[in-house]
Amino acid sequence: MHADALQVPEFWLPALARFAPDHPLRRLLARADRLADGPRGYLGGLAGHFDVGVPLLPAAALVREHLAGDAGDAAWLCADPAWVQPDLTGARLLACGRMDLTADEARELAEAVRPVFEEAGMRLEPTTPDRWHLRLPHGLEPPPFAAPEQALGEDLSQHLPPGADGRRWRVLFNEVQVLLHQHPLNAGRAGRGEPPVNSLWLWGAGRLPAQVRTPLASAVGDDLLLAALAARAGVPCRARTAEAVAVAGAGSLVDLQDLPVDVIERDCWPVLQAQARRQAVRLAFASGERWLYRPWHRWRVWRGYAR
């Protein structure tokens, strides 16, 4: 974790490449001090601020405990509703965990696939309409699964567990996909112009950590895993409102990395500018780049745009 995390607020932003070359943020970066690169990606960024005692964040157990309070000492997997699109070379994951299911739709779809998991000794729990979890039987250690951010838009064959050890999981994945593809609820979704829920994406395996440590004083964001980690570490996590972003102080992590760049420019850029005029801020990008900007850096007018 970053030792300087307690000194300034950090604004966690999407990948730098998503910001146009003439975006005003790049002028601010040109005047700032470049820091060593930090972690990349969603899970990497969270792991850079929260120490759970194991190399991979057990996202399923953390979120399940945060929402339902019954993670216990069992091993859990996220089994999030997903949309998989076949193409000429295979199939691609186009959406995961944000399918806008109603509670009734989630219940109906879960009932259709629950027997498949029960035969494998697992218990399927739709914790929320868009966040489902698998409770694994004692002694079953799943292989590493790719997080949604790693698999989105890519050929699924690159991200399913390989080899003989992964075969049972590939078979399970295919059985679930067939059942959901055939489910009549998806015909209704298609008629309303909504994407089908024709798969479940498994990821985030692990057990609830005994302790979560962080140097952060607080967090601002709407992500469930961020909220779960903050709660486990005993630090407050406020919803991402303009007011919360505007008052973020030393030791705060402000999570903006999941927002479209145009939304950041419209809703967050004025607040971020005001913060940078008032205090030093760190700007961290999901692609790993980091800068430290101090209020007096505005006088570095000879600098142009960061590339």
Protein backbone atom coordinates (compact mmCIF):
# COMPACT_ATOMS: atom_id res chain seq x y z
CA MET A 1 0.00 0.00 0.00
CA HIS A 2 1.09 3.57 -0.57
CA ALA A 3 2.69 5.09 2.47
CA ASP A 4 1.72 8.60 1.37
CA ALA A 5 -1.99 7.74 1.18
CA LEU A 6 -2.71 9.59 4.42
CA GLN A 7 -1.20 12.89 3.26
CA VAL A 8 -3.47 13.92 0.38
CA PRO A 9 -6.80 12.89 -1.14
CA GLU A 10 -6.55 10.58 -4.13
CA PHE A 11 -8.85 10.79 -7.13
CA TRP A 12 -9.03 7.38 -8.81
CA LEU A 13 -9.79 7.95 -12.50
CA PRO A 14 -10.38 5.81 -15.62
CA ALA A 15 -7.45 4.78 -17.82
CA LEU A 16 -5.48 7.81 -19.00
CA ALA A 17 -5.87 6.84 -22.67
CA ARG A 18 -9.61 7.51 -22.41
CA PHE A 19 -8.97 11.25 -21.91
CA ALA A 20 -8.59 13.16 -25.18
CA PRO A 21 -5.20 14.81 -25.85
CA ASP A 22 -6.73 18.27 -25.38
CA HIS A 23 -8.76 17.42 -22.28
CA PRO A 24 -8.23 20.07 -19.57
CA LEU A 25 -7.14 17.34 -17.17
CA ARG A 26 -4.02 16.81 -19.28
CA ARG A 27 -3.01 20.46 -18.83
CA LEU A 28 -3.27 19.99 -15.08
CA LEU A 29 -1.14 16.83 -15.31
CA ALA A 30 1.53 18.67 -17.31
CA ARG A 31 1.98 21.06 -14.39
CA ALA A 32 1.96 18.32 -11.76
CA ASP A 33 4.78 16.07 -10.54
CA ARG A 34 4.82 12.58 -12.02
CA LEU A 35 4.96 9.80 -9.43
CA ALA A 36 5.91 6.16 -9.79
CA ASP A 37 3.17 4.12 -11.40
CA GLY A 38 0.68 2.43 -9.09
CA PRO A 39 -1.47 -0.69 -9.47
CA ARG A 40 -3.48 -1.22 -12.62
CA GLY A 41 -7.12 -2.18 -12.98
CA TYR A 42 -10.08 -2.30 -10.65
CA LEU A 43 -9.01 -5.11 -8.32
CA GLY A 44 -5.39 -4.00 -8.43
CA GLY A 45 -6.36 -0.48 -7.46
CA LEU A 46 -8.39 -1.68 -4.50
CA ALA A 47 -5.63 -4.06 -3.40
CA GLY A 48 -3.24 -1.11 -3.48
CA HIS A 49 -5.20 0.51 -0.66
CA PHE A 50 -6.53 -2.47 1.30
CA ASP A 51 -4.40 -5.28 2.72
CA VAL A 52 -6.48 -8.46 3.19
CA GLY A 53 -3.57 -10.78 3.98
CA VAL A 54 -3.78 -12.80 0.73
CA PRO A 55 -2.59 -12.02 -2.82
CA LEU A 56 -6.07 -11.89 -4.42
CA LEU A 57 -9.03 -9.96 -3.04
CA PRO A 58 -11.80 -12.41 -1.98
CA ALA A 59 -14.46 -10.18 -3.50
CA ALA A 60 -17.31 -12.68 -3.15
CA ALA A 61 -16.90 -13.24 0.59
CA LEU A 62 -16.37 -9.54 1.30
CA VAL A 63 -19.47 -8.42 -0.60
CA ARG A 64 -21.60 -11.28 0.75
CA GLU A 65 -20.64 -10.38 4.33
CA HIS A 66 -21.29 -6.70 3.68
CA LEU A 67 -24.75 -7.32 2.26
CA ALA A 68 -25.97 -10.42 4.12
CA GLY A 69 -23.64 -10.82 7.11
CA ASP A 70 -23.34 -14.61 6.74
CA ALA A 71 -20.06 -15.23 4.90
CA GLY A 72 -18.70 -17.09 7.93
CA ASP A 73 -15.64 -19.23 7.23
CA ALA A 74 -16.96 -20.68 3.95
CA ALA A 75 -15.36 -20.17 0.55
CA TRP A 76 -17.44 -18.05 -1.84
CA LEU A 77 -17.53 -17.19 -5.52
CA CYS A 78 -19.25 -14.30 -7.27
CA ALA A 79 -21.72 -15.69 -9.83
CA ASP A 80 -22.90 -12.46 -11.40
CA PRO A 81 -25.61 -12.40 -14.12
CA ALA A 82 -23.97 -11.74 -17.47
CA TRP A 83 -24.52 -11.28 -21.18
CA VAL A 84 -22.43 -13.42 -23.51
CA GLN A 85 -22.54 -12.80 -27.26
CA PRO A 86 -21.52 -15.59 -29.70
CA ASP A 87 -19.40 -14.57 -32.69
CA LEU A 88 -17.53 -16.27 -35.53
CA THR A 89 -14.63 -17.35 -33.33
CA GLY A 90 -16.37 -18.16 -30.05
CA ALA A 91 -18.16 -15.95 -27.55
CA ARG A 92 -17.50 -12.66 -25.79
CA LEU A 93 -18.52 -11.29 -22.41
CA LEU A 94 -20.35 -8.02 -23.11
CA ALA A 95 -21.84 -7.19 -19.68
CA CYS A 96 -21.63 -8.49 -16.14
CA GLY A 97 -23.31 -7.62 -12.87
CA ARG A 98 -25.20 -4.57 -14.15
CA MET A 99 -28.09 -6.16 -15.98
CA ASP A 100 -30.90 -4.14 -14.35
CA LEU A 101 -32.75 -7.24 -13.22
CA THR A 102 -35.77 -6.92 -10.98
CA ALA A 103 -35.95 -9.03 -7.82
CA ASP A 104 -38.59 -11.25 -9.44
CA GLU A 105 -36.51 -11.74 -12.58
CA ALA A 106 -33.44 -12.63 -10.55
CA ARG A 107 -35.43 -15.13 -8.49
CA GLU A 108 -36.86 -16.77 -11.61
CA LEU A 109 -33.51 -17.09 -13.36
CA ALA A 110 -31.78 -18.35 -10.22
CA GLU A 111 -34.37 -21.06 -9.75
CA ALA A 112 -33.68 -22.29 -13.28
CA VAL A 113 -29.97 -22.88 -12.67
CA ARG A 114 -29.90 -23.66 -8.94
CA PRO A 115 -30.19 -27.46 -9.45
CA VAL A 116 -27.03 -27.47 -11.59
CA PHE A 117 -25.05 -25.98 -8.73
CA GLU A 118 -26.70 -28.19 -6.12
CA GLU A 119 -25.59 -31.28 -8.04
CA ALA A 120 -22.04 -29.94 -7.77
CA GLY A 121 -22.43 -29.39 -4.01
CA MET A 122 -22.70 -25.60 -4.25
CA ARG A 123 -25.42 -23.27 -3.02
CA LEU A 124 -26.50 -20.38 -5.23
CA GLU A 125 -27.51 -17.22 -3.37
CA PRO A 126 -28.88 -14.19 -5.32
CA THR A 127 -27.70 -11.63 -2.75
CA THR A 128 -29.12 -8.75 -4.83
CA PRO A 129 -30.73 -8.89 -8.29
CA ASP A 130 -27.37 -8.12 -9.93
CA ARG A 131 -24.99 -9.68 -7.36
CA TRP A 132 -25.19 -13.45 -6.97
CA HIS A 133 -22.92 -15.67 -4.90
CA LEU A 134 -21.96 -19.32 -4.69
CA ARG A 135 -21.25 -20.91 -1.32
CA LEU A 136 -18.71 -23.65 -1.96
CA PRO A 137 -18.55 -26.97 -0.10
CA HIS A 138 -15.71 -27.60 2.34
CA GLY A 139 -12.59 -28.78 0.59
CA LEU A 140 -13.43 -27.40 -2.86
CA GLU A 141 -10.74 -24.95 -3.93
CA PRO A 142 -11.66 -23.23 -7.21
CA PRO A 143 -9.02 -22.24 -9.75
CA PRO A 144 -8.27 -18.54 -10.32
CA PHE A 145 -11.05 -16.86 -12.28
CA ALA A 146 -10.68 -13.69 -14.31
CA ALA A 147 -12.41 -10.61 -12.92
CA PRO A 148 -15.06 -9.08 -15.21
CA GLU A 149 -12.77 -6.16 -16.04
CA GLN A 150 -10.23 -8.61 -17.47
CA ALA A 151 -12.72 -10.59 -19.56
CA LEU A 152 -15.14 -7.93 -20.84
CA GLY A 153 -15.12 -7.76 -24.62
CA GLU A 154 -12.71 -10.66 -25.01
CA ASP A 155 -12.96 -14.24 -26.22
CA LEU A 156 -14.18 -16.27 -23.25
CA SER A 157 -11.97 -19.23 -24.12
CA GLN A 158 -9.00 -17.12 -23.00
CA HIS A 159 -10.46 -16.69 -19.51
CA LEU A 160 -12.11 -20.00 -18.58
CA PRO A 161 -10.09 -22.29 -16.28
CA PRO A 162 -7.79 -24.46 -18.43
CA GLY A 163 -6.69 -28.08 -18.22
CA ALA A 164 -8.11 -31.08 -16.42
CA ASP A 165 -8.60 -29.16 -13.16
CA GLY A 166 -10.72 -26.58 -14.94
CA ARG A 167 -12.86 -29.05 -16.85
CA ARG A 168 -15.62 -29.34 -14.22
CA TRP A 169 -15.92 -25.56 -14.17
CA ARG A 170 -16.08 -25.29 -17.95
CA VAL A 171 -18.81 -27.95 -18.02
CA LEU A 172 -20.71 -26.09 -15.28
CA PHE A 173 -20.36 -22.82 -17.18
CA ASN A 174 -21.75 -24.41 -20.35
CA GLU A 175 -24.71 -26.06 -18.58
CA VAL A 176 -25.72 -22.79 -16.97
CA GLN A 177 -25.36 -20.95 -20.26
CA VAL A 178 -27.66 -23.41 -22.06
CA LEU A 179 -30.35 -23.13 -19.38
CA LEU A 180 -30.30 -19.34 -19.31
CA HIS A 181 -30.16 -19.03 -23.10
CA GLN A 182 -33.37 -21.03 -23.37
CA HIS A 183 -35.17 -19.24 -20.53
CA PRO A 184 -38.39 -17.48 -21.69
CA LEU A 185 -37.64 -14.45 -19.55
CA ASN A 186 -34.95 -13.47 -22.05
CA ALA A 187 -37.51 -13.28 -24.85
CA GLY A 188 -39.35 -10.65 -22.84
CA ARG A 189 -36.14 -8.72 -22.27
CA ALA A 190 -35.39 -8.80 -25.99
CA GLY A 191 -38.86 -7.44 -26.72
CA ARG A 192 -38.11 -4.48 -24.44
CA GLY A 193 -34.75 -3.88 -26.08
CA GLU A 194 -32.81 -5.20 -23.08
CA PRO A 195 -29.81 -7.53 -23.35
CA PRO A 196 -30.33 -11.18 -22.40
CA VAL A 197 -29.06 -12.65 -19.16
CA ASN A 198 -27.64 -15.80 -20.70
CA SER A 199 -24.69 -16.60 -18.47
CA LEU A 200 -23.16 -16.24 -15.02
CA TRP A 201 -19.61 -15.03 -14.61
CA LEU A 202 -17.64 -16.66 -11.79
CA TRP A 203 -14.90 -14.64 -10.09
CA GLY A 204 -13.62 -13.26 -6.77
CA ALA A 205 -13.09 -16.59 -4.98
CA GLY A 206 -11.97 -16.80 -1.38
CA ARG A 207 -12.85 -16.65 2.29
CA LEU A 208 -13.65 -13.65 4.43
CA PRO A 209 -10.35 -12.19 5.68
CA ALA A 210 -9.92 -12.05 9.42
CA GLN A 211 -8.74 -8.47 9.14
CA VAL A 212 -8.53 -5.72 6.51
CA ARG A 213 -5.96 -2.97 6.95
CA THR A 214 -5.78 0.37 5.18
CA PRO A 215 -3.96 3.69 5.63
CA LEU A 216 -7.01 5.49 4.28
CA ALA A 217 -9.06 7.73 6.51
CA SER A 218 -12.20 7.47 4.36
CA ALA A 219 -13.53 6.58 0.94
CA VAL A 220 -16.05 8.07 -1.47
CA GLY A 221 -17.67 5.83 -4.07
CA ASP A 222 -20.63 3.71 -5.10
CA ASP A 223 -18.81 0.41 -5.63
CA LEU A 224 -19.97 -2.45 -3.39
CA LEU A 225 -16.54 -4.03 -3.00
CA LEU A 226 -15.02 -0.69 -2.01
CA ALA A 227 -17.79 -0.24 0.57
CA ALA A 228 -17.25 -3.79 1.86
CA LEU A 229 -13.49 -3.30 2.23
CA ALA A 230 -13.94 0.05 3.95
CA ALA A 231 -16.47 -1.40 6.39
CA ARG A 232 -14.19 -4.34 7.18
CA ALA A 233 -11.28 -1.93 7.74
CA GLY A 234 -13.38 0.33 9.96
CA VAL A 235 -13.24 3.47 7.81
CA PRO A 236 -16.29 5.40 6.53
CA CYS A 237 -17.35 5.14 2.90
CA ARG A 238 -19.68 7.86 1.65
CA ALA A 239 -21.86 7.66 -1.44
CA ARG A 240 -20.43 9.46 -4.44
CA THR A 241 -22.22 12.78 -4.38
CA ALA A 242 -20.91 16.15 -5.52
CA GLU A 243 -20.80 17.25 -1.89
CA ALA A 244 -18.82 14.18 -0.77
CA VAL A 245 -16.29 14.66 -3.57
CA ALA A 246 -15.98 18.37 -2.80
CA VAL A 247 -15.14 17.85 0.89
CA ALA A 248 -12.80 14.86 0.50
CA GLY A 249 -9.74 15.59 2.61
CA ALA A 250 -6.39 14.07 3.47
CA GLY A 251 -6.47 10.30 3.45
CA SER A 252 -9.58 10.04 1.27
CA LEU A 253 -9.92 7.81 -1.78
CA VAL A 254 -12.44 9.21 -4.29
CA ASP A 255 -13.50 6.47 -6.70
CA LEU A 256 -14.31 7.82 -10.15
CA GLN A 257 -12.68 5.09 -12.24
CA ASP A 258 -15.94 3.44 -13.29
CA LEU A 259 -17.46 6.63 -14.74
CA PRO A 260 -17.47 7.56 -18.44
CA VAL A 261 -15.03 10.35 -19.23
CA ASP A 262 -17.82 12.66 -20.44
CA VAL A 263 -19.64 12.24 -17.11
CA ILE A 264 -16.44 13.08 -15.23
CA GLU A 265 -15.95 16.19 -17.37
CA ARG A 266 -19.55 17.31 -16.86
CA ASP A 267 -20.11 16.45 -13.19
CA CYS A 268 -16.72 16.03 -11.50
CA TRP A 269 -14.16 18.19 -13.27
CA PRO A 270 -15.27 21.53 -11.71
CA VAL A 271 -15.17 19.95 -8.24
CA LEU A 272 -11.79 18.37 -8.88
CA GLN A 273 -10.41 21.70 -10.09
CA ALA A 274 -11.66 23.40 -6.93
CA GLN A 275 -10.02 20.72 -4.81
CA ALA A 276 -6.71 21.15 -6.64
CA ARG A 277 -6.78 24.90 -6.06
CA ARG A 278 -7.32 24.37 -2.34
CA GLN A 279 -4.99 21.47 -1.46
CA ALA A 280 -2.54 18.97 -2.88
CA VAL A 281 -4.23 16.04 -4.63
CA ARG A 282 -3.04 12.80 -6.15
CA LEU A 283 -4.49 11.80 -9.51
CA ALA A 284 -4.32 8.04 -10.03
CA PHE A 285 -5.47 6.35 -13.22
CA ALA A 286 -6.80 2.83 -13.67
CA SER A 287 -3.96 2.31 -16.16
CA GLY A 288 -1.42 2.88 -13.37
CA GLU A 289 -0.13 6.42 -14.01
CA ARG A 290 -0.07 8.79 -11.02
CA TRP A 291 0.61 12.49 -10.52
CA LEU A 292 0.81 14.77 -7.49
CA TYR A 293 -0.62 18.25 -8.03
CA ARG A 294 -0.09 21.07 -5.56
CA PRO A 295 -1.91 24.43 -5.65
CA TRP A 296 1.25 26.36 -6.55
CA HIS A 297 1.75 24.17 -9.62
CA ARG A 298 -0.75 26.39 -11.43
CA TRP A 299 2.12 28.85 -11.96
CA ARG A 300 3.91 26.37 -14.19
CA VAL A 301 2.27 28.02 -17.15
CA TRP A 302 5.11 27.18 -19.55
CA ARG A 303 4.06 23.56 -19.57
CA GLY A 304 1.54 22.36 -22.15
CA TYR A 305 -0.52 19.17 -22.08
CA ALA A 306 0.54 15.80 -20.69
CA ARG A 307 0.72 13.15 -23.40
